[in-house]
Every structure is written in C-alpha cells, then in structure tokens.
C-alpha atoms as a PDB file:
ATOM      1  CA  MET A   1      -0.111  -0.086  -0.194  1.00  0.00           C
ATOM      2  CA  GLY A   2       2.737   2.425   0.656  1.00  0.00           C
ATOM      3  CA  THR A   3       4.524   1.904  -2.498  1.00  0.00           C
ATOM      4  CA  MET A   4       0.554   2.816  -4.447  1.00  0.00           C
ATOM      5  CA  ALA A   5       0.654   6.013  -2.147  1.00  0.00           C
ATOM      6  CA  ASN A   6       4.141   6.817  -3.027  1.00  0.00           C
ATOM      7  CA  THR A   7       3.524   6.429  -6.305  1.00  0.00           C
ATOM      8  CA  LEU A   8       0.269   8.486  -6.694  1.00  0.00           C
ATOM      9  CA  VAL A   9       2.076  11.568  -4.885  1.00  0.00           C
ATOM     10  CA  LEU A  10       5.172  11.461  -7.267  1.00  0.00           C
ATOM     11  CA  VAL A  11       2.448  11.531 -10.318  1.00  0.00           C
ATOM     12  CA  TYR A  12       1.276  14.908  -8.751  1.00  0.00           C
ATOM     13  CA  VAL A  13       3.496  15.425  -8.302  1.00  0.00           C
ATOM     14  CA  GLY A  14       5.219  15.632 -12.228  1.00  0.00           C
ATOM     15  CA  GLY A  15       1.377  16.468 -13.519  1.00  0.00           C
ATOM     16  CA  ALA A  16       2.273  19.213 -11.516  1.00  0.00           C
ATOM     17  CA  LEU A  17       6.297  20.116 -11.748  1.00  0.00           C
ATOM     18  CA  ASN A  18       6.294  21.539 -14.779  1.00  0.00           C
ATOM     19  CA  MET A  19       3.204  24.281 -14.105  1.00  0.00           C
ATOM     20  CA  MET A  20       5.164  25.170 -11.585  1.00  0.00           C
ATOM     21  CA  VAL A  21       7.924  25.973 -13.426  1.00  0.00           C
ATOM     22  CA  LEU A  22       6.102  28.274 -15.999  1.00  0.00           C
ATOM     23  CA  ILE A  23       4.277  30.257 -12.913  1.00  0.00           C
ATOM     24  CA  TYR A  24       8.819  30.539 -11.542  1.00  0.00           C
ATOM     25  CA  SER A  25       9.275  31.357 -15.030  1.00  0.00           C
ATOM     26  CA  TYR A  26       7.371  34.593 -14.766  1.00  0.00           C
ATOM     27  CA  GLY A  27       9.720  36.106 -11.510  1.00  0.00           C
ATOM     28  CA  VAL A  28       7.147  35.037  -8.948  1.00  0.00           C
ATOM     29  CA  SER A  29       9.565  33.771  -5.608  1.00  0.00           C
ATOM     30  CA  PHE A  30       9.173  30.947  -4.598  1.00  0.00           C
ATOM     31  CA  ARG A  31       7.694  31.919  -1.294  1.00  0.00           C
ATOM     32  CA  GLN A  32       5.069  33.530  -3.459  1.00  0.00           C
ATOM     33  CA  LEU A  33       4.620  29.532  -5.338  1.00  0.00           C
ATOM     34  CA  VAL A  34       4.382  28.156  -2.567  1.00  0.00           C
ATOM     35  CA  ASN A  35       1.952  30.271  -0.906  1.00  0.00           C
ATOM     36  CA  THR A  36      -1.137  30.022  -4.004  1.00  0.00           C
ATOM     37  CA  ASP A  37      -4.034  27.665  -4.380  1.00  0.00           C
ATOM     38  CA  PHE A  38      -2.397  25.617  -7.055  1.00  0.00           C
ATOM     39  CA  VAL A  39      -0.008  23.996  -5.075  1.00  0.00           C
ATOM     40  CA  ALA A  40      -2.173  23.789  -1.769  1.00  0.00           C
ATOM     41  CA  ILE A  41      -5.083  21.667  -4.017  1.00  0.00           C
ATOM     42  CA  GLU A  42      -1.729  19.245  -5.470  1.00  0.00           C
ATOM     43  CA  LEU A  43      -1.481  18.774  -2.153  1.00  0.00           C
ATOM     44  CA  ILE A  44      -4.954  17.983  -1.077  1.00  0.00           C
ATOM     45  CA  ARG A  45      -5.619  15.271  -4.473  1.00  0.00           C
ATOM     46  CA  ALA A  46      -2.806  14.208  -3.328  1.00  0.00           C
ATOM     47  CA  ILE A  47      -3.244  13.438   0.121  1.00  0.00           C
ATOM     48  CA  ALA A  48      -6.899  12.733  -0.820  1.00  0.00           C
ATOM     49  CA  GLY A  49      -5.890  10.036  -3.425  1.00  0.00           C
ATOM     50  CA  SER A  50      -3.659   8.365  -0.399  1.00  0.00           C
ATOM     51  CA  VAL A  51      -5.863   7.742   1.832  1.00  0.00           C
ATOM     52  CA  GLY A  52      -8.317   6.080  -0.618  1.00  0.00           C
ATOM     53  CA  ILE A  53      -5.834   3.817  -1.197  1.00  0.00           C
ATOM     54  CA  ILE A  54      -4.883   3.160   2.411  1.00  0.00           C
ATOM     55  CA  GLY A  55      -8.932   3.012   2.795  1.00  0.00           C
ATOM     56  CA  THR A  56     -10.008   1.235   0.320  1.00  0.00           C
ATOM     57  CA  VAL A  57      -7.769  -1.643   0.200  1.00  0.00           C
ATOM     58  CA  PRO A  58      -7.719  -3.089   3.495  1.00  0.00           C
ATOM     59  CA  CYS A  59     -12.021  -2.306   2.944  1.00  0.00           C
ATOM     60  CA  VAL A  60     -11.936  -5.057  -0.485  1.00  0.00           C
ATOM     61  CA  ALA A  61      -9.642  -7.446   1.424  1.00  0.00           C
ATOM     62  CA  GLY A  62     -11.894  -7.768   4.397  1.00  0.00           C
ATOM     63  CA  VAL A  63     -15.574  -8.318   1.804  1.00  0.00           C
ATOM     64  CA  ALA A  64     -12.829 -10.848  -0.119  1.00  0.00           C
ATOM     65  CA  VAL A  65     -12.550 -12.721   3.265  1.00  0.00           C
ATOM     66  CA  TRP A  66     -15.765 -12.523   4.062  1.00  0.00           C
ATOM     67  CA  LEU A  67     -17.602 -13.518   0.702  1.00  0.00           C
ATOM     68  CA  PHE A  68     -14.794 -16.746  -0.016  1.00  0.00           C
ATOM     69  CA  SER A  69     -15.614 -17.545   3.809  1.00  0.00           C
ATOM     70  CA  LYS A  70     -18.518 -19.076   3.122  1.00  0.00           C
ATOM     71  CA  LYS A  71     -18.148 -21.650   1.035  1.00  0.00           C
END
C-alpha cells in the first residue's frame, strides 16, 4: 500500500511540476509560489488519493475474505 501511495504522490508532483516551473519562470518568488492555491490543491489531491488507497485496500480485502469464507 505504501508504494501505491508514494506512486500517486509522485504522479501528482510530476503533473504539477511543469506548471510550477512555468509560474516560477515569470519571476514569482518561491515563497509566493508555495503559498498559491495551486500548490494547496495539488497537496490536497495527493493526500486524499493516498487516504483513499490506504482505506480501500483493507476494505476490499475484508470483503473478499467475507465472500470467500462462506464456501
């Protein structure tokens, strides 16, 4: 599960990296760049996706055990 969450975070960072470099190339300071809504949205997306993966895998495993133990 940890590798899936890490991969998800890296995908979001890779997707947002080009936009952050573009904004930074216009002369926006690093401090302003980090405080933009864009960075906050990407962080929230990464955290929400990671929580979803970490929560979904055990739930699905539990349902599978419950379904296959009835035989």
